[in-house]
PDB file of N, CA and C in Angstrom:
ATOM      1  N   MET A   1      39.873   5.898 -24.209  1.00  0.00           N
ATOM      2  CA  MET A   1      38.673   5.293 -24.745  1.00  0.00           C
ATOM      3  C   MET A   1      37.479   6.125 -24.278  1.00  0.00           C
ATOM      4  N   SER A   2      36.597   6.446 -25.188  1.00  0.00           N
ATOM      5  CA  SER A   2      35.397   7.203 -24.822  1.00  0.00           C
ATOM      6  C   SER A   2      34.195   6.261 -24.773  1.00  0.00           C
ATOM      7  N   ILE A   3      33.385   6.457 -23.746  1.00  0.00           N
ATOM      8  CA  ILE A   3      32.240   5.588 -23.512  1.00  0.00           C
ATOM      9  C   ILE A   3      31.002   6.439 -23.293  1.00  0.00           C
ATOM     10  N   VAL A   4      29.878   5.984 -23.828  1.00  0.00           N
ATOM     11  CA  VAL A   4      28.580   6.584 -23.546  1.00  0.00           C
ATOM     12  C   VAL A   4      27.758   5.545 -22.805  1.00  0.00           C
ATOM     13  N   ILE A   5      27.166   5.950 -21.691  1.00  0.00           N
ATOM     14  CA  ILE A   5      26.328   5.064 -20.900  1.00  0.00           C
ATOM     15  C   ILE A   5      24.907   5.587 -20.959  1.00  0.00           C
ATOM     16  N   ILE A   6      23.971   4.722 -21.332  1.00  0.00           N
ATOM     17  CA  ILE A   6      22.565   5.109 -21.290  1.00  0.00           C
ATOM     18  C   ILE A   6      21.844   4.204 -20.301  1.00  0.00           C
ATOM     19  N   GLY A   7      20.889   4.783 -19.609  1.00  0.00           N
ATOM     20  CA  GLY A   7      20.171   4.069 -18.568  1.00  0.00           C
ATOM     21  C   GLY A   7      20.899   4.211 -17.244  1.00  0.00           C
ATOM     22  N   GLY A   8      20.549   3.386 -16.305  1.00  0.00           N
ATOM     23  CA  GLY A   8      21.191   3.456 -14.994  1.00  0.00           C
ATOM     24  C   GLY A   8      20.404   4.315 -14.023  1.00  0.00           C
ATOM     25  N   ASN A   9      20.976   4.523 -12.867  1.00  0.00           N
ATOM     26  CA  ASN A   9      20.328   5.301 -11.819  1.00  0.00           C
ATOM     27  C   ASN A   9      20.865   6.726 -11.808  1.00  0.00           C
ATOM     28  N   GLU A  10      19.964   7.684 -11.663  1.00  0.00           N
ATOM     29  CA  GLU A  10      20.366   9.086 -11.659  1.00  0.00           C
ATOM     30  C   GLU A  10      21.372   9.393 -10.557  1.00  0.00           C
ATOM     31  N   ARG A  11      21.182   8.814  -9.407  1.00  0.00           N
ATOM     32  CA  ARG A  11      22.060   9.097  -8.269  1.00  0.00           C
ATOM     33  C   ARG A  11      23.461   8.523  -8.448  1.00  0.00           C
ATOM     34  N   MET A  12      23.622   7.657  -9.421  1.00  0.00           N
ATOM     35  CA  MET A  12      24.931   7.030  -9.623  1.00  0.00           C
ATOM     36  C   MET A  12      25.697   7.592 -10.818  1.00  0.00           C
ATOM     37  N   GLU A  13      25.201   8.651 -11.425  1.00  0.00           N
ATOM     38  CA  GLU A  13      25.863   9.218 -12.600  1.00  0.00           C
ATOM     39  C   GLU A  13      27.326   9.529 -12.327  1.00  0.00           C
ATOM     40  N   ARG A  14      27.602  10.196 -11.239  1.00  0.00           N
ATOM     41  CA  ARG A  14      28.973  10.573 -10.900  1.00  0.00           C
ATOM     42  C   ARG A  14      29.829   9.328 -10.646  1.00  0.00           C
ATOM     43  N   GLN A  15      29.251   8.323  -9.992  1.00  0.00           N
ATOM     44  CA  GLN A  15      30.000   7.095  -9.729  1.00  0.00           C
ATOM     45  C   GLN A  15      30.349   6.372 -11.027  1.00  0.00           C
ATOM     46  N   TYR A  16      29.417   6.358 -11.974  1.00  0.00           N
ATOM     47  CA  TYR A  16      29.697   5.750 -13.276  1.00  0.00           C
ATOM     48  C   TYR A  16      30.889   6.454 -13.936  1.00  0.00           C
ATOM     49  N   GLU A  17      30.885   7.778 -13.898  1.00  0.00           N
ATOM     50  CA  GLU A  17      31.974   8.547 -14.499  1.00  0.00           C
ATOM     51  C   GLU A  17      33.298   8.269 -13.800  1.00  0.00           C
ATOM     52  N   GLU A  18      33.279   8.183 -12.461  1.00  0.00           N
ATOM     53  CA  GLU A  18      34.502   7.912 -11.706  1.00  0.00           C
ATOM     54  C   GLU A  18      35.034   6.506 -11.976  1.00  0.00           C
ATOM     55  N   ILE A  19      34.144   5.537 -12.088  1.00  0.00           N
ATOM     56  CA  ILE A  19      34.561   4.165 -12.399  1.00  0.00           C
ATOM     57  C   ILE A  19      35.229   4.127 -13.767  1.00  0.00           C
ATOM     58  N   CYS A  20      34.630   4.783 -14.742  1.00  0.00           N
ATOM     59  CA  CYS A  20      35.213   4.827 -16.087  1.00  0.00           C
ATOM     60  C   CYS A  20      36.570   5.532 -16.067  1.00  0.00           C
ATOM     61  N   ARG A  21      36.670   6.615 -15.327  1.00  0.00           N
ATOM     62  CA  ARG A  21      37.923   7.352 -15.214  1.00  0.00           C
ATOM     63  C   ARG A  21      39.014   6.456 -14.619  1.00  0.00           C
ATOM     64  N   GLY A  22      38.633   5.582 -13.683  1.00  0.00           N
ATOM     65  CA  GLY A  22      39.580   4.651 -13.083  1.00  0.00           C
ATOM     66  C   GLY A  22      40.139   3.648 -14.080  1.00  0.00           C
ATOM     67  N   TYR A  23      39.438   3.412 -15.158  1.00  0.00           N
ATOM     68  CA  TYR A  23      39.894   2.510 -16.218  1.00  0.00           C
ATOM     69  C   TYR A  23      40.479   3.281 -17.402  1.00  0.00           C
ATOM     70  N   GLY A  24      40.717   4.559 -17.216  1.00  0.00           N
ATOM     71  CA  GLY A  24      41.309   5.370 -18.276  1.00  0.00           C
ATOM     72  C   GLY A  24      40.350   5.744 -19.380  1.00  0.00           C
ATOM     73  N   CYS A  25      39.066   5.786 -19.072  1.00  0.00           N
ATOM     74  CA  CYS A  25      38.042   6.102 -20.070  1.00  0.00           C
ATOM     75  C   CYS A  25      37.328   7.407 -19.705  1.00  0.00           C
ATOM     76  N   THR A  26      36.864   8.100 -20.711  1.00  0.00           N
ATOM     77  CA  THR A  26      35.996   9.253 -20.481  1.00  0.00           C
ATOM     78  C   THR A  26      34.565   8.793 -20.728  1.00  0.00           C
ATOM     79  N   ALA A  27      33.634   9.325 -19.956  1.00  0.00           N
ATOM     80  CA  ALA A  27      32.260   8.838 -20.060  1.00  0.00           C
ATOM     81  C   ALA A  27      31.257   9.976 -20.125  1.00  0.00           C
ATOM     82  N   LYS A  28      30.223   9.759 -20.938  1.00  0.00           N
ATOM     83  CA  LYS A  28      29.022  10.587 -20.937  1.00  0.00           C
ATOM     84  C   LYS A  28      27.910   9.682 -20.433  1.00  0.00           C
ATOM     85  N   VAL A  29      27.111  10.175 -19.493  1.00  0.00           N
ATOM     86  CA  VAL A  29      26.057   9.349 -18.909  1.00  0.00           C
ATOM     87  C   VAL A  29      24.707  10.009 -19.163  1.00  0.00           C
ATOM     88  N   PHE A  30      23.775   9.230 -19.719  1.00  0.00           N
ATOM     89  CA  PHE A  30      22.415   9.692 -19.962  1.00  0.00           C
ATOM     90  C   PHE A  30      21.463   8.728 -19.269  1.00  0.00           C
ATOM     91  N   THR A  31      20.943   9.121 -18.115  1.00  0.00           N
ATOM     92  CA  THR A  31      20.026   8.240 -17.390  1.00  0.00           C
ATOM     93  C   THR A  31      18.597   8.399 -17.874  1.00  0.00           C
ATOM     94  N   LYS A  32      18.271   9.578 -18.377  1.00  0.00           N
ATOM     95  CA  LYS A  32      16.934   9.829 -18.911  1.00  0.00           C
ATOM     96  C   LYS A  32      17.063  10.446 -20.288  1.00  0.00           C
ATOM     97  N   GLU A  33      16.044  10.248 -21.097  1.00  0.00           N
ATOM     98  CA  GLU A  33      16.048  10.859 -22.417  1.00  0.00           C
ATOM     99  C   GLU A  33      15.597  12.305 -22.293  1.00  0.00           C
ATOM    100  N   SER A  34      16.463  13.188 -22.723  1.00  0.00           N
ATOM    101  CA  SER A  34      16.112  14.609 -22.718  1.00  0.00           C
ATOM    102  C   SER A  34      16.593  15.200 -24.034  1.00  0.00           C
ATOM    103  N   GLY A  35      15.675  15.417 -24.924  1.00  0.00           N
ATOM    104  CA  GLY A  35      16.034  15.946 -26.234  1.00  0.00           C
ATOM    105  C   GLY A  35      16.519  14.848 -27.161  1.00  0.00           C
ATOM    106  N   ALA A  36      17.141  15.263 -28.244  1.00  0.00           N
ATOM    107  CA  ALA A  36      17.603  14.325 -29.263  1.00  0.00           C
ATOM    108  C   ALA A  36      18.888  13.637 -28.800  1.00  0.00           C
ATOM    109  N   LEU A  37      18.780  12.376 -28.512  1.00  0.00           N
ATOM    110  CA  LEU A  37      19.919  11.601 -28.032  1.00  0.00           C
ATOM    111  C   LEU A  37      20.997  11.482 -29.098  1.00  0.00           C
ATOM    112  N   LYS A  38      20.592  11.393 -30.361  1.00  0.00           N
ATOM    113  CA  LYS A  38      21.575  11.179 -31.425  1.00  0.00           C
ATOM    114  C   LYS A  38      22.560  12.341 -31.574  1.00  0.00           C
ATOM    115  N   ARG A  39      22.149  13.556 -31.251  1.00  0.00           N
ATOM    116  CA  ARG A  39      23.066  14.692 -31.316  1.00  0.00           C
ATOM    117  C   ARG A  39      24.042  14.704 -30.146  1.00  0.00           C
ATOM    118  N   LYS A  40      23.652  14.100 -29.044  1.00  0.00           N
ATOM    119  CA  LYS A  40      24.469  14.138 -27.832  1.00  0.00           C
ATOM    120  C   LYS A  40      25.473  12.991 -27.749  1.00  0.00           C
ATOM    121  N   ILE A  41      25.172  11.874 -28.403  1.00  0.00           N
ATOM    122  CA  ILE A  41      26.040  10.697 -28.310  1.00  0.00           C
ATOM    123  C   ILE A  41      27.410  10.944 -28.926  1.00  0.00           C
ATOM    124  N   GLY A  42      27.450  11.515 -30.087  1.00  0.00           N
ATOM    125  CA  GLY A  42      28.725  11.719 -30.769  1.00  0.00           C
ATOM    126  C   GLY A  42      29.203  10.420 -31.397  1.00  0.00           C
ATOM    127  N   SER A  43      30.517  10.171 -31.323  1.00  0.00           N
ATOM    128  CA  SER A  43      31.071   8.925 -31.879  1.00  0.00           C
ATOM    129  C   SER A  43      32.029   8.299 -30.856  1.00  0.00           C
ATOM    130  N   PRO A  44      31.467   7.629 -29.866  1.00  0.00           N
ATOM    131  CA  PRO A  44      32.309   7.011 -28.833  1.00  0.00           C
ATOM    132  C   PRO A  44      32.948   5.713 -29.330  1.00  0.00           C
ATOM    133  N   ASP A  45      33.858   5.182 -28.526  1.00  0.00           N
ATOM    134  CA  ASP A  45      34.464   3.890 -28.839  1.00  0.00           C
ATOM    135  C   ASP A  45      33.516   2.740 -28.480  1.00  0.00           C
ATOM    136  N   MET A  46      32.632   2.994 -27.493  1.00  0.00           N
ATOM    137  CA  MET A  46      31.695   1.958 -27.063  1.00  0.00           C
ATOM    138  C   MET A  46      30.498   2.610 -26.375  1.00  0.00           C
ATOM    139  N   LEU A  47      29.329   2.020 -26.572  1.00  0.00           N
ATOM    140  CA  LEU A  47      28.118   2.474 -25.901  1.00  0.00           C
ATOM    141  C   LEU A  47      27.656   1.352 -24.970  1.00  0.00           C
ATOM    142  N   ILE A  48      27.437   1.687 -23.703  1.00  0.00           N
ATOM    143  CA  ILE A  48      26.955   0.720 -22.728  1.00  0.00           C
ATOM    144  C   ILE A  48      25.508   1.050 -22.410  1.00  0.00           C
ATOM    145  N   CYS A  49      24.663   0.046 -22.479  1.00  0.00           N
ATOM    146  CA  CYS A  49      23.246   0.233 -22.221  1.00  0.00           C
ATOM    147  C   CYS A  49      22.832  -0.622 -21.033  1.00  0.00           C
ATOM    148  N   PHE A  50      22.356   0.017 -19.974  1.00  0.00           N
ATOM    149  CA  PHE A  50      21.814  -0.704 -18.822  1.00  0.00           C
ATOM    150  C   PHE A  50      20.355  -1.005 -19.134  1.00  0.00           C
ATOM    151  N   THR A  51      20.094  -2.211 -19.607  1.00  0.00           N
ATOM    152  CA  THR A  51      18.793  -2.551 -20.177  1.00  0.00           C
ATOM    153  C   THR A  51      17.642  -2.560 -19.177  1.00  0.00           C
ATOM    154  N   LYS A  52      17.929  -2.783 -17.923  1.00  0.00           N
ATOM    155  CA  LYS A  52      16.850  -2.853 -16.933  1.00  0.00           C
ATOM    156  C   LYS A  52      16.234  -1.474 -16.655  1.00  0.00           C
ATOM    157  N   THR A  53      17.011  -0.425 -16.855  1.00  0.00           N
ATOM    158  CA  THR A  53      16.550   0.905 -16.464  1.00  0.00           C
ATOM    159  C   THR A  53      16.423   1.881 -17.629  1.00  0.00           C
ATOM    160  N   VAL A  54      16.385   1.382 -18.853  1.00  0.00           N
ATOM    161  CA  VAL A  54      16.281   2.281 -20.003  1.00  0.00           C
ATOM    162  C   VAL A  54      14.973   2.006 -20.747  1.00  0.00           C
ATOM    163  N   SER A  55      14.393   3.052 -21.309  1.00  0.00           N
ATOM    164  CA  SER A  55      13.146   2.891 -22.059  1.00  0.00           C
ATOM    165  C   SER A  55      13.429   2.270 -23.431  1.00  0.00           C
ATOM    166  N   HIS A  56      12.404   1.665 -24.012  1.00  0.00           N
ATOM    167  CA  HIS A  56      12.551   1.061 -25.334  1.00  0.00           C
ATOM    168  C   HIS A  56      12.876   2.126 -26.378  1.00  0.00           C
ATOM    169  N   LYS A  57      12.271   3.280 -26.250  1.00  0.00           N
ATOM    170  CA  LYS A  57      12.505   4.358 -27.204  1.00  0.00           C
ATOM    171  C   LYS A  57      13.973   4.792 -27.179  1.00  0.00           C
ATOM    172  N   MET A  58      14.512   4.940 -25.986  1.00  0.00           N
ATOM    173  CA  MET A  58      15.905   5.351 -25.836  1.00  0.00           C
ATOM    174  C   MET A  58      16.847   4.249 -26.336  1.00  0.00           C
ATOM    175  N   MET A  59      16.504   3.015 -26.066  1.00  0.00           N
ATOM    176  CA  MET A  59      17.309   1.872 -26.513  1.00  0.00           C
ATOM    177  C   MET A  59      17.334   1.801 -28.033  1.00  0.00           C
ATOM    178  N   ASN A  60      16.179   1.974 -28.662  1.00  0.00           N
ATOM    179  CA  ASN A  60      16.109   1.926 -30.121  1.00  0.00           C
ATOM    180  C   ASN A  60      16.882   3.070 -30.767  1.00  0.00           C
ATOM    181  N   ALA A  61      16.816   4.259 -30.174  1.00  0.00           N
ATOM    182  CA  ALA A  61      17.563   5.403 -30.698  1.00  0.00           C
ATOM    183  C   ALA A  61      19.067   5.147 -30.594  1.00  0.00           C
ATOM    184  N   ALA A  62      19.498   4.597 -29.473  1.00  0.00           N
ATOM    185  CA  ALA A  62      20.921   4.294 -29.282  1.00  0.00           C
ATOM    186  C   ALA A  62      21.384   3.218 -30.251  1.00  0.00           C
ATOM    187  N   ARG A  63      20.573   2.190 -30.450  1.00  0.00           N
ATOM    188  CA  ARG A  63      20.920   1.104 -31.371  1.00  0.00           C
ATOM    189  C   ARG A  63      21.065   1.643 -32.801  1.00  0.00           C
ATOM    190  N   ALA A  64      20.169   2.544 -33.190  1.00  0.00           N
ATOM    191  CA  ALA A  64      20.249   3.130 -34.533  1.00  0.00           C
ATOM    192  C   ALA A  64      21.527   3.949 -34.702  1.00  0.00           C
ATOM    193  N   GLU A  65      21.903   4.696 -33.677  1.00  0.00           N
ATOM    194  CA  GLU A  65      23.130   5.493 -33.744  1.00  0.00           C
ATOM    195  C   GLU A  65      24.372   4.606 -33.800  1.00  0.00           C
ATOM    196  N   CYS A  66      24.331   3.478 -33.115  1.00  0.00           N
ATOM    197  CA  CYS A  66      25.449   2.533 -33.163  1.00  0.00           C
ATOM    198  C   CYS A  66      25.627   1.983 -34.570  1.00  0.00           C
ATOM    199  N   ARG A  67      24.531   1.663 -35.205  1.00  0.00           N
ATOM    200  CA  ARG A  67      24.604   1.149 -36.578  1.00  0.00           C
ATOM    201  C   ARG A  67      25.168   2.203 -37.524  1.00  0.00           C
ATOM    202  N   LYS A  68      24.671   3.448 -37.385  1.00  0.00           N
ATOM    203  CA  LYS A  68      25.135   4.532 -38.262  1.00  0.00           C
ATOM    204  C   LYS A  68      26.602   4.853 -38.031  1.00  0.00           C
ATOM    205  N   GLY A  69      26.987   4.935 -36.757  1.00  0.00           N
ATOM    206  CA  GLY A  69      28.346   5.335 -36.411  1.00  0.00           C
ATOM    207  C   GLY A  69      29.373   4.222 -36.468  1.00  0.00           C
ATOM    208  N   GLY A  70      28.912   2.981 -36.475  1.00  0.00           N
ATOM    209  CA  GLY A  70      29.829   1.859 -36.556  1.00  0.00           C
ATOM    210  C   GLY A  70      30.577   1.565 -35.264  1.00  0.00           C
ATOM    211  N   PHE A  71      30.015   1.930 -34.131  1.00  0.00           N
ATOM    212  CA  PHE A  71      30.645   1.608 -32.852  1.00  0.00           C
ATOM    213  C   PHE A  71      29.802   0.567 -32.123  1.00  0.00           C
ATOM    214  N   PRO A  72      30.441  -0.237 -31.265  1.00  0.00           N
ATOM    215  CA  PRO A  72      29.725  -1.336 -30.612  1.00  0.00           C
ATOM    216  C   PRO A  72      28.811  -0.879 -29.478  1.00  0.00           C
ATOM    217  N   MET A  73      27.755  -1.640 -29.295  1.00  0.00           N
ATOM    218  CA  MET A  73      26.828  -1.414 -28.188  1.00  0.00           C
ATOM    219  C   MET A  73      26.859  -2.652 -27.307  1.00  0.00           C
ATOM    220  N   VAL A  74      27.098  -2.447 -26.020  1.00  0.00           N
ATOM    221  CA  VAL A  74      27.163  -3.549 -25.071  1.00  0.00           C
ATOM    222  C   VAL A  74      25.987  -3.415 -24.122  1.00  0.00           C
ATOM    223  N   ALA A  75      25.199  -4.472 -24.006  1.00  0.00           N
ATOM    224  CA  ALA A  75      24.045  -4.457 -23.113  1.00  0.00           C
ATOM    225  C   ALA A  75      24.402  -5.123 -21.791  1.00  0.00           C
ATOM    226  N   CYS A  76      23.967  -4.489 -20.710  1.00  0.00           N
ATOM    227  CA  CYS A  76      24.201  -5.014 -19.367  1.00  0.00           C
ATOM    228  C   CYS A  76      22.887  -4.891 -18.614  1.00  0.00           C
ATOM    229  N   HIS A  77      22.399  -5.981 -18.062  1.00  0.00           N
ATOM    230  CA  HIS A  77      21.104  -5.953 -17.393  1.00  0.00           C
ATOM    231  C   HIS A  77      21.162  -5.154 -16.091  1.00  0.00           C
ATOM    232  N   SER A  78      22.181  -5.373 -15.307  1.00  0.00           N
ATOM    233  CA  SER A  78      22.306  -4.697 -14.015  1.00  0.00           C
ATOM    234  C   SER A  78      22.934  -3.324 -14.202  1.00  0.00           C
ATOM    235  N   SER A  79      22.488  -2.351 -13.427  1.00  0.00           N
ATOM    236  CA  SER A  79      23.049  -1.008 -13.525  1.00  0.00           C
ATOM    237  C   SER A  79      23.898  -0.663 -12.297  1.00  0.00           C
ATOM    238  N   SER A  80      24.478  -1.683 -11.679  1.00  0.00           N
ATOM    239  CA  SER A  80      25.305  -1.444 -10.495  1.00  0.00           C
ATOM    240  C   SER A  80      26.716  -1.036 -10.894  1.00  0.00           C
ATOM    241  N   GLY A  81      27.411  -0.433  -9.965  1.00  0.00           N
ATOM    242  CA  GLY A  81      28.793  -0.047 -10.195  1.00  0.00           C
ATOM    243  C   GLY A  81      29.680  -1.255 -10.423  1.00  0.00           C
ATOM    244  N   THR A  82      29.406  -2.337  -9.707  1.00  0.00           N
ATOM    245  CA  THR A  82      30.187  -3.563  -9.854  1.00  0.00           C
ATOM    246  C   THR A  82      30.014  -4.155 -11.247  1.00  0.00           C
ATOM    247  N   ALA A  83      28.791  -4.134 -11.759  1.00  0.00           N
ATOM    248  CA  ALA A  83      28.538  -4.644 -13.107  1.00  0.00           C
ATOM    249  C   ALA A  83      29.303  -3.819 -14.141  1.00  0.00           C
ATOM    250  N   LEU A  84      29.340  -2.512 -13.953  1.00  0.00           N
ATOM    251  CA  LEU A  84      30.086  -1.640 -14.868  1.00  0.00           C
ATOM    252  C   LEU A  84      31.577  -1.945 -14.794  1.00  0.00           C
ATOM    253  N   GLU A  85      32.101  -2.132 -13.594  1.00  0.00           N
ATOM    254  CA  GLU A  85      33.519  -2.463 -13.435  1.00  0.00           C
ATOM    255  C   GLU A  85      33.869  -3.771 -14.132  1.00  0.00           C
ATOM    256  N   GLU A  86      33.044  -4.785 -13.949  1.00  0.00           N
ATOM    257  CA  GLU A  86      33.292  -6.078 -14.596  1.00  0.00           C
ATOM    258  C   GLU A  86      33.273  -5.945 -16.116  1.00  0.00           C
ATOM    259  N   LEU A  87      32.355  -5.163 -16.625  1.00  0.00           N
ATOM    260  CA  LEU A  87      32.252  -4.936 -18.060  1.00  0.00           C
ATOM    261  C   LEU A  87      33.494  -4.223 -18.586  1.00  0.00           C
ATOM    262  N   LEU A  88      33.949  -3.209 -17.870  1.00  0.00           N
ATOM    263  CA  LEU A  88      35.136  -2.470 -18.295  1.00  0.00           C
ATOM    264  C   LEU A  88      36.392  -3.332 -18.209  1.00  0.00           C
ATOM    265  N   LYS A  89      36.490  -4.181 -17.189  1.00  0.00           N
ATOM    266  CA  LYS A  89      37.635  -5.102 -17.096  1.00  0.00           C
ATOM    267  C   LYS A  89      37.684  -5.998 -18.321  1.00  0.00           C
ATOM    268  N   GLU A  90      36.521  -6.512 -18.698  1.00  0.00           N
ATOM    269  CA  GLU A  90      36.437  -7.423 -19.840  1.00  0.00           C
ATOM    270  C   GLU A  90      36.770  -6.722 -21.152  1.00  0.00           C
ATOM    271  N   LYS A  91      36.227  -5.528 -21.349  1.00  0.00           N
ATOM    272  CA  LYS A  91      36.359  -4.847 -22.633  1.00  0.00           C
ATOM    273  C   LYS A  91      37.680  -4.103 -22.802  1.00  0.00           C
ATOM    274  N   THR A  92      38.222  -3.534 -21.712  1.00  0.00           N
ATOM    275  CA  THR A  92      39.456  -2.762 -21.834  1.00  0.00           C
ATOM    276  C   THR A  92      40.688  -3.580 -21.496  1.00  0.00           C
ATOM    277  N   GLY A  93      40.505  -4.638 -20.718  1.00  0.00           N
ATOM    278  CA  GLY A  93      41.649  -5.452 -20.312  1.00  0.00           C
ATOM    279  C   GLY A  93      42.529  -4.753 -19.283  1.00  0.00           C
ATOM    280  N   ALA A  94      42.034  -3.672 -18.718  1.00  0.00           N
ATOM    281  CA  ALA A  94      42.809  -2.905 -17.745  1.00  0.00           C
ATOM    282  C   ALA A  94      42.285  -3.133 -16.339  1.00  0.00           C
ATOM    283  N   ARG A  95      43.101  -2.768 -15.395  1.00  0.00           N
ATOM    284  CA  ARG A  95      42.684  -2.794 -13.999  1.00  0.00           C
ATOM    285  C   ARG A  95      42.233  -1.397 -13.603  1.00  0.00           C
ATOM    286  N   GLY A  96      41.214  -1.334 -12.796  1.00  0.00           N
ATOM    287  CA  GLY A  96      40.752  -0.042 -12.302  1.00  0.00           C
ATOM    288  C   GLY A  96      41.547   0.388 -11.094  1.00  0.00           C
ATOM    289  N   LYS A  97      41.278   1.583 -10.639  1.00  0.00           N
ATOM    290  CA  LYS A  97      41.920   2.064  -9.408  1.00  0.00           C
ATOM    291  C   LYS A  97      41.380   1.282  -8.236  1.00  0.00           C
ATOM    292  N   ALA A  98      42.224   0.982  -7.311  1.00  0.00           N
ATOM    293  CA  ALA A  98      41.809   0.207  -6.126  1.00  0.00           C
ATOM    294  C   ALA A  98      41.035   1.048  -5.161  1.00  0.00           C
TER     295      ALA A  98
END
């Protein structure tokens, strides 16, 4: 499963990727908007948006790409690693690495 994460904390980018890898997912993480987001997103299976730490402009661009690409967007207020793990447990039905 491929996942794109927008928002979150810059210092946690690697942790987000490792958490996703533990659930058998590949992840692209964009904590800040740099250039055209729509070219970088691609066509993932799911887009996760950490709403507390993302700009409205970036959120709107991601929402538009979700509509065009037909993939789901999941909003999560907290950008913690635990919140990401809980979200992945719910959506993938898998257990992460201990």
